[in-house]
Amino acid sequence: MKLTTATITLAFVALTSAQYDVESKDFRLVLSSKDSTVNGQTLSACHTGAAIESLCLSGKPSTSKPDPIAAATFRFNTSSNVETPSDGDVPGILTYKLNATPPIPSSLEFFYDPITNYALPLLFPGQGADTQTLAFDSKNLLNKQGYVNYKTSPPTAGNTTAYYRWYACQTYFSGYQYVNLVWALGEGKPETPGCAKVDVKRVFI
């Protein structure tokens, strides 16, 4: 289905203003990769600041996490007032409850450093304009949906496309060093040496 620019703008406004009020059951996020040291790893929530967590690999040692830790429990919140694209998957937000008294509901955002070519997914308290809208496909693989084809000049509005640009990389953020899940900006591999291409699968518990 071809979409006009006006249609895409309206869809974007609807997504950014949506209340993600429909909560899924609990699940883990499990990685699959051709890299045997990464394949089968789960994702955990690793401290990167005041009530801020990154999505680190549970069993991969790093400077800030020398020992394995437990996998995190996530949920996927969708909206009762946002329609699913006819050629796409149900949009929603990845959520997590930070272990505190009381627990702190958090959602996923992308942190961008303009001098590198990947974004670092981080869990922040609450949800807002910067909360990242994601989707799961029929195989329970986490993806980011897009409507604009940037391979044309000028870019053109087109079909809904799912992108799977996830990698596991050594990262540095706010003094913390972990092996984290990152999102490649564009088709290329992140510039940090040793990054492994991964798929991220939802496994209900």
C-alpha atoms as a PDB file:
ATOM      1  CA  MET A   1       0.000   0.000   0.000  1.00  0.00           C
ATOM      2  CA  LYS A   2       1.438   3.372  -1.014  1.00  0.00           C
ATOM      3  CA  LEU A   3       1.135   6.132   1.564  1.00  0.00           C
ATOM      4  CA  THR A   4       1.039   9.874   0.974  1.00  0.00           C
ATOM      5  CA  THR A   5       3.160  12.279   2.980  1.00  0.00           C
ATOM      6  CA  ALA A   6       0.029  13.583   4.702  1.00  0.00           C
ATOM      7  CA  THR A   7      -0.993  10.055   5.698  1.00  0.00           C
ATOM      8  CA  ILE A   8       2.441   9.354   7.141  1.00  0.00           C
ATOM      9  CA  THR A   9       2.432  12.631   9.058  1.00  0.00           C
ATOM     10  CA  LEU A  10      -0.942  11.804  10.598  1.00  0.00           C
ATOM     11  CA  ALA A  11       0.264   8.306  11.487  1.00  0.00           C
ATOM     12  CA  PHE A  12       3.361   9.738  13.151  1.00  0.00           C
ATOM     13  CA  VAL A  13       1.307  12.214  15.177  1.00  0.00           C
ATOM     14  CA  ALA A  14      -1.027   9.412  16.267  1.00  0.00           C
ATOM     15  CA  LEU A  15       1.887   7.244  17.406  1.00  0.00           C
ATOM     16  CA  THR A  16       3.686   9.998  19.292  1.00  0.00           C
ATOM     17  CA  SER A  17       0.508  11.057  21.109  1.00  0.00           C
ATOM     18  CA  ALA A  18      -0.766   7.541  21.797  1.00  0.00           C
ATOM     19  CA  GLN A  19      -1.357   6.191  25.274  1.00  0.00           C
ATOM     20  CA  TYR A  20       0.163   2.729  25.352  1.00  0.00           C
ATOM     21  CA  ASP A  21      -2.383   1.288  27.739  1.00  0.00           C
ATOM     22  CA  VAL A  22      -2.562  -2.389  26.681  1.00  0.00           C
ATOM     23  CA  GLU A  23       0.131  -4.378  28.477  1.00  0.00           C
ATOM     24  CA  SER A  24       1.434  -7.754  27.309  1.00  0.00           C
ATOM     25  CA  LYS A  25       2.405 -10.725  29.427  1.00  0.00           C
ATOM     26  CA  ASP A  26       5.943 -10.895  30.796  1.00  0.00           C
ATOM     27  CA  PHE A  27       8.731 -12.037  28.484  1.00  0.00           C
ATOM     28  CA  ARG A  28      12.495 -12.306  28.124  1.00  0.00           C
ATOM     29  CA  LEU A  29      14.515 -11.017  25.186  1.00  0.00           C
ATOM     30  CA  VAL A  30      16.824 -13.655  23.702  1.00  0.00           C
ATOM     31  CA  LEU A  31      19.482 -13.068  21.042  1.00  0.00           C
ATOM     32  CA  SER A  32      20.236 -15.224  18.028  1.00  0.00           C
ATOM     33  CA  SER A  33      23.469 -14.694  16.121  1.00  0.00           C
ATOM     34  CA  LYS A  34      26.051 -16.408  13.933  1.00  0.00           C
ATOM     35  CA  ASP A  35      28.522 -15.404  16.653  1.00  0.00           C
ATOM     36  CA  SER A  36      28.560 -18.346  19.068  1.00  0.00           C
ATOM     37  CA  THR A  37      29.633 -16.134  21.988  1.00  0.00           C
ATOM     38  CA  VAL A  38      26.464 -14.070  21.593  1.00  0.00           C
ATOM     39  CA  ASN A  39      23.941 -16.623  20.327  1.00  0.00           C
ATOM     40  CA  GLY A  40      21.435 -17.576  23.032  1.00  0.00           C
ATOM     41  CA  GLN A  41      22.313 -14.687  25.334  1.00  0.00           C
ATOM     42  CA  THR A  42      19.477 -12.972  27.170  1.00  0.00           C
ATOM     43  CA  LEU A  43      19.197  -9.248  27.808  1.00  0.00           C
ATOM     44  CA  SER A  44      19.422  -7.711  31.261  1.00  0.00           C
ATOM     45  CA  ALA A  45      18.909  -4.188  32.577  1.00  0.00           C
ATOM     46  CA  CYS A  46      22.305  -2.714  33.512  1.00  0.00           C
ATOM     47  CA  HIS A  47      22.692   0.459  35.566  1.00  0.00           C
ATOM     48  CA  THR A  48      23.955   3.419  33.526  1.00  0.00           C
ATOM     49  CA  GLY A  49      22.785   6.371  35.627  1.00  0.00           C
ATOM     50  CA  ALA A  50      20.074   7.483  38.035  1.00  0.00           C
ATOM     51  CA  ALA A  51      17.125   5.186  37.189  1.00  0.00           C
ATOM     52  CA  ILE A  52      18.605   4.631  33.704  1.00  0.00           C
ATOM     53  CA  GLU A  53      19.351   1.140  32.397  1.00  0.00           C
ATOM     54  CA  SER A  54      20.940  -0.208  29.225  1.00  0.00           C
ATOM     55  CA  LEU A  55      20.120  -3.545  27.582  1.00  0.00           C
ATOM     56  CA  CYS A  56      23.254  -5.515  28.373  1.00  0.00           C
ATOM     57  CA  LEU A  57      23.962  -9.146  27.536  1.00  0.00           C
ATOM     58  CA  SER A  58      23.319 -11.165  30.698  1.00  0.00           C
ATOM     59  CA  GLY A  59      26.291 -13.507  30.419  1.00  0.00           C
ATOM     60  CA  LYS A  60      28.909 -11.330  28.698  1.00  0.00           C
ATOM     61  CA  PRO A  61      31.568  -9.939  31.053  1.00  0.00           C
ATOM     62  CA  SER A  62      32.605  -6.303  30.839  1.00  0.00           C
ATOM     63  CA  THR A  63      34.412  -3.676  32.891  1.00  0.00           C
ATOM     64  CA  SER A  64      31.188  -2.584  34.600  1.00  0.00           C
ATOM     65  CA  LYS A  65      29.680  -6.097  34.829  1.00  0.00           C
ATOM     66  CA  PRO A  66      32.388  -8.739  35.312  1.00  0.00           C
ATOM     67  CA  ASP A  67      29.941 -11.493  36.304  1.00  0.00           C
ATOM     68  CA  PRO A  68      26.727 -12.897  34.757  1.00  0.00           C
ATOM     69  CA  ILE A  69      23.430 -11.452  35.988  1.00  0.00           C
ATOM     70  CA  ALA A  70      19.794 -12.504  35.683  1.00  0.00           C
ATOM     71  CA  ALA A  71      17.779 -11.838  32.545  1.00  0.00           C
ATOM     72  CA  ALA A  72      15.360  -8.927  32.781  1.00  0.00           C
ATOM     73  CA  THR A  73      11.593  -9.212  32.499  1.00  0.00           C
ATOM     74  CA  PHE A  74      10.007  -6.985  29.867  1.00  0.00           C
ATOM     75  CA  ARG A  75       6.540  -6.155  28.600  1.00  0.00           C
ATOM     76  CA  PHE A  76       5.267  -4.682  25.350  1.00  0.00           C
ATOM     77  CA  ASN A  77       2.612  -1.999  25.623  1.00  0.00           C
ATOM     78  CA  THR A  78       0.330  -1.307  22.685  1.00  0.00           C
ATOM     79  CA  SER A  79      -2.390   1.286  22.270  1.00  0.00           C
ATOM     80  CA  SER A  80      -6.132   0.773  22.126  1.00  0.00           C
ATOM     81  CA  ASN A  81      -6.489   3.842  19.876  1.00  0.00           C
ATOM     82  CA  VAL A  82      -3.763   3.271  17.258  1.00  0.00           C
ATOM     83  CA  GLU A  83      -4.515   1.166  14.192  1.00  0.00           C
ATOM     84  CA  THR A  84      -1.974  -1.370  12.975  1.00  0.00           C
ATOM     85  CA  PRO A  85      -0.616  -0.538   9.485  1.00  0.00           C
ATOM     86  CA  SER A  86      -2.263  -2.828   6.945  1.00  0.00           C
ATOM     87  CA  ASP A  87       1.182  -3.921   5.744  1.00  0.00           C
ATOM     88  CA  GLY A  88       2.939  -3.827   9.115  1.00  0.00           C
ATOM     89  CA  ASP A  89       3.009  -5.140  12.681  1.00  0.00           C
ATOM     90  CA  VAL A  90       1.345  -3.782  15.817  1.00  0.00           C
ATOM     91  CA  PRO A  91       3.325  -0.749  17.070  1.00  0.00           C
ATOM     92  CA  GLY A  92       4.088  -0.384  20.748  1.00  0.00           C
ATOM     93  CA  ILE A  93       6.724   0.393  23.345  1.00  0.00           C
ATOM     94  CA  LEU A  94       9.112  -1.847  25.263  1.00  0.00           C
ATOM     95  CA  THR A  95       8.627  -1.447  29.011  1.00  0.00           C
ATOM     96  CA  TYR A  96      10.409  -2.557  32.159  1.00  0.00           C
ATOM     97  CA  LYS A  97       9.866  -2.093  35.891  1.00  0.00           C
ATOM     98  CA  LEU A  98      13.006  -0.960  37.668  1.00  0.00           C
ATOM     99  CA  ASN A  99      13.505  -2.774  40.952  1.00  0.00           C
ATOM    100  CA  ALA A 100      12.794  -0.068  43.531  1.00  0.00           C
ATOM    101  CA  THR A 101      10.262   0.676  46.276  1.00  0.00           C
ATOM    102  CA  PRO A 102       7.847   1.135  44.652  1.00  0.00           C
ATOM    103  CA  PRO A 103       8.952  -0.274  41.243  1.00  0.00           C
ATOM    104  CA  ILE A 104       9.630   2.411  38.632  1.00  0.00           C
ATOM    105  CA  PRO A 105       7.871   1.877  35.263  1.00  0.00           C
ATOM    106  CA  SER A 106      10.343   2.574  32.469  1.00  0.00           C
ATOM    107  CA  SER A 107      10.319   2.546  28.676  1.00  0.00           C
ATOM    108  CA  LEU A 108      12.908   2.370  25.910  1.00  0.00           C
ATOM    109  CA  GLU A 109      14.491   5.364  24.215  1.00  0.00           C
ATOM    110  CA  PHE A 110      17.392   5.633  21.770  1.00  0.00           C
ATOM    111  CA  PHE A 111      20.409   7.712  22.820  1.00  0.00           C
ATOM    112  CA  TYR A 112      22.184   9.287  19.845  1.00  0.00           C
ATOM    113  CA  ASP A 113      25.812  10.416  19.803  1.00  0.00           C
ATOM    114  CA  PRO A 114      26.341  12.376  16.561  1.00  0.00           C
ATOM    115  CA  ILE A 115      29.951  11.204  16.203  1.00  0.00           C
ATOM    116  CA  THR A 116      29.116   7.511  15.834  1.00  0.00           C
ATOM    117  CA  ASN A 117      26.864   5.410  13.619  1.00  0.00           C
ATOM    118  CA  TYR A 118      24.681   3.606  16.125  1.00  0.00           C
ATOM    119  CA  ALA A 119      22.081   4.445  18.753  1.00  0.00           C
ATOM    120  CA  LEU A 120      22.188   3.061  22.293  1.00  0.00           C
ATOM    121  CA  PRO A 121      18.819   1.801  23.590  1.00  0.00           C
ATOM    122  CA  LEU A 122      18.244   2.971  27.174  1.00  0.00           C
ATOM    123  CA  LEU A 123      15.403   2.496  29.645  1.00  0.00           C
ATOM    124  CA  PHE A 124      14.179   5.752  31.204  1.00  0.00           C
ATOM    125  CA  PRO A 125      11.431   6.268  33.823  1.00  0.00           C
ATOM    126  CA  GLY A 126       7.947   6.787  32.407  1.00  0.00           C
ATOM    127  CA  GLN A 127       7.206   7.416  28.755  1.00  0.00           C
ATOM    128  CA  GLY A 128       7.266  10.539  26.649  1.00  0.00           C
ATOM    129  CA  ALA A 129       7.996  12.096  23.286  1.00  0.00           C
ATOM    130  CA  ASP A 130      11.374  10.345  23.056  1.00  0.00           C
ATOM    131  CA  THR A 131      10.021   6.863  23.824  1.00  0.00           C
ATOM    132  CA  GLN A 132      10.867   4.590  20.894  1.00  0.00           C
ATOM    133  CA  THR A 133       8.012   2.932  19.009  1.00  0.00           C
ATOM    134  CA  LEU A 134       8.881  -0.655  18.039  1.00  0.00           C
ATOM    135  CA  ALA A 135       7.101  -3.813  16.862  1.00  0.00           C
ATOM    136  CA  PHE A 136       7.291  -7.602  17.001  1.00  0.00           C
ATOM    137  CA  ASP A 137       6.749  -9.622  13.830  1.00  0.00           C
ATOM    138  CA  SER A 138       4.982 -12.982  13.429  1.00  0.00           C
ATOM    139  CA  LYS A 139       8.176 -14.754  14.593  1.00  0.00           C
ATOM    140  CA  ASN A 140       8.349 -12.589  17.734  1.00  0.00           C
ATOM    141  CA  LEU A 141      11.407 -10.733  16.420  1.00  0.00           C
ATOM    142  CA  LEU A 142      11.834  -7.157  17.592  1.00  0.00           C
ATOM    143  CA  ASN A 143      12.004  -4.559  14.834  1.00  0.00           C
ATOM    144  CA  LYS A 144      11.640  -0.905  13.991  1.00  0.00           C
ATOM    145  CA  GLN A 145       9.066  -0.025  11.323  1.00  0.00           C
ATOM    146  CA  GLY A 146       9.571   2.735   8.798  1.00  0.00           C
ATOM    147  CA  TYR A 147       7.485   4.372   6.083  1.00  0.00           C
ATOM    148  CA  VAL A 148      10.089   6.407   4.203  1.00  0.00           C
ATOM    149  CA  ASN A 149      12.475   5.081   1.545  1.00  0.00           C
ATOM    150  CA  TYR A 150      15.762   6.958   1.986  1.00  0.00           C
ATOM    151  CA  LYS A 151      17.395   5.201  -0.957  1.00  0.00           C
ATOM    152  CA  THR A 152      15.664   7.564  -3.369  1.00  0.00           C
ATOM    153  CA  SER A 153      16.413  11.237  -3.947  1.00  0.00           C
ATOM    154  CA  PRO A 154      14.372  12.882  -2.665  1.00  0.00           C
ATOM    155  CA  PRO A 155      13.256  10.277  -0.090  1.00  0.00           C
ATOM    156  CA  THR A 156       9.778   8.955  -0.805  1.00  0.00           C
ATOM    157  CA  ALA A 157       6.849   7.693   1.235  1.00  0.00           C
ATOM    158  CA  GLY A 158       6.138   4.038   0.624  1.00  0.00           C
ATOM    159  CA  ASN A 159       5.167   0.743   2.185  1.00  0.00           C
ATOM    160  CA  THR A 160       5.631  -0.093   5.838  1.00  0.00           C
ATOM    161  CA  THR A 161       8.974  -1.892   6.195  1.00  0.00           C
ATOM    162  CA  ALA A 162      10.386  -3.718   9.215  1.00  0.00           C
ATOM    163  CA  TYR A 163      14.070  -3.181   9.971  1.00  0.00           C
ATOM    164  CA  TYR A 164      16.226  -5.467  12.120  1.00  0.00           C
ATOM    165  CA  ARG A 165      19.418  -3.474  12.643  1.00  0.00           C
ATOM    166  CA  TRP A 166      20.341  -4.870  16.041  1.00  0.00           C
ATOM    167  CA  TYR A 167      23.932  -5.558  17.086  1.00  0.00           C
ATOM    168  CA  ALA A 168      25.750  -6.545  20.270  1.00  0.00           C
ATOM    169  CA  CYS A 169      28.648  -4.154  20.900  1.00  0.00           C
ATOM    170  CA  GLN A 170      31.034  -3.007  23.568  1.00  0.00           C
ATOM    171  CA  THR A 171      29.726   0.413  24.602  1.00  0.00           C
ATOM    172  CA  TYR A 172      30.707   3.360  26.767  1.00  0.00           C
ATOM    173  CA  PHE A 173      28.036   5.622  28.241  1.00  0.00           C
ATOM    174  CA  SER A 174      28.248   7.914  31.263  1.00  0.00           C
ATOM    175  CA  GLY A 175      31.320   6.095  32.559  1.00  0.00           C
ATOM    176  CA  TYR A 176      29.792   2.600  32.257  1.00  0.00           C
ATOM    177  CA  GLN A 177      31.164  -0.077  29.928  1.00  0.00           C
ATOM    178  CA  TYR A 178      28.984  -3.041  28.950  1.00  0.00           C
ATOM    179  CA  VAL A 179      28.340  -5.375  26.051  1.00  0.00           C
ATOM    180  CA  ASN A 180      25.015  -3.848  25.057  1.00  0.00           C
ATOM    181  CA  LEU A 181      22.322  -4.162  22.442  1.00  0.00           C
ATOM    182  CA  VAL A 182      22.656  -1.289  19.960  1.00  0.00           C
ATOM    183  CA  TRP A 183      20.787  -0.101  16.875  1.00  0.00           C
ATOM    184  CA  ALA A 184      22.765   0.582  13.686  1.00  0.00           C
ATOM    185  CA  LEU A 185      21.955   3.889  12.024  1.00  0.00           C
ATOM    186  CA  GLY A 186      21.582   2.937   8.386  1.00  0.00           C
ATOM    187  CA  GLU A 187      22.564  -0.292   6.670  1.00  0.00           C
ATOM    188  CA  GLY A 188      26.203  -0.373   7.722  1.00  0.00           C
ATOM    189  CA  LYS A 189      27.694  -2.218  10.681  1.00  0.00           C
ATOM    190  CA  PRO A 190      28.493  -0.150  13.804  1.00  0.00           C
ATOM    191  CA  GLU A 191      32.039   1.206  13.658  1.00  0.00           C
ATOM    192  CA  THR A 192      33.071  -0.203  17.053  1.00  0.00           C
ATOM    193  CA  PRO A 193      35.278  -3.283  16.443  1.00  0.00           C
ATOM    194  CA  GLY A 194      33.873  -6.657  17.450  1.00  0.00           C
ATOM    195  CA  CYS A 195      30.157  -5.921  17.089  1.00  0.00           C
ATOM    196  CA  ALA A 196      28.018  -8.981  16.302  1.00  0.00           C
ATOM    197  CA  LYS A 197      24.810  -8.914  14.247  1.00  0.00           C
ATOM    198  CA  VAL A 198      21.869 -10.239  16.264  1.00  0.00           C
ATOM    199  CA  ASP A 199      18.143 -10.813  16.106  1.00  0.00           C
ATOM    200  CA  VAL A 200      16.131 -10.123  19.249  1.00  0.00           C
ATOM    201  CA  LYS A 201      13.361 -12.602  20.042  1.00  0.00           C
ATOM    202  CA  ARG A 202      10.541 -12.302  22.550  1.00  0.00           C
ATOM    203  CA  VAL A 203      10.090 -15.433  24.675  1.00  0.00           C
ATOM    204  CA  PHE A 204       7.088 -15.369  27.000  1.00  0.00           C
ATOM    205  CA  ILE A 205       7.511 -16.679  30.549  1.00  0.00           C
END
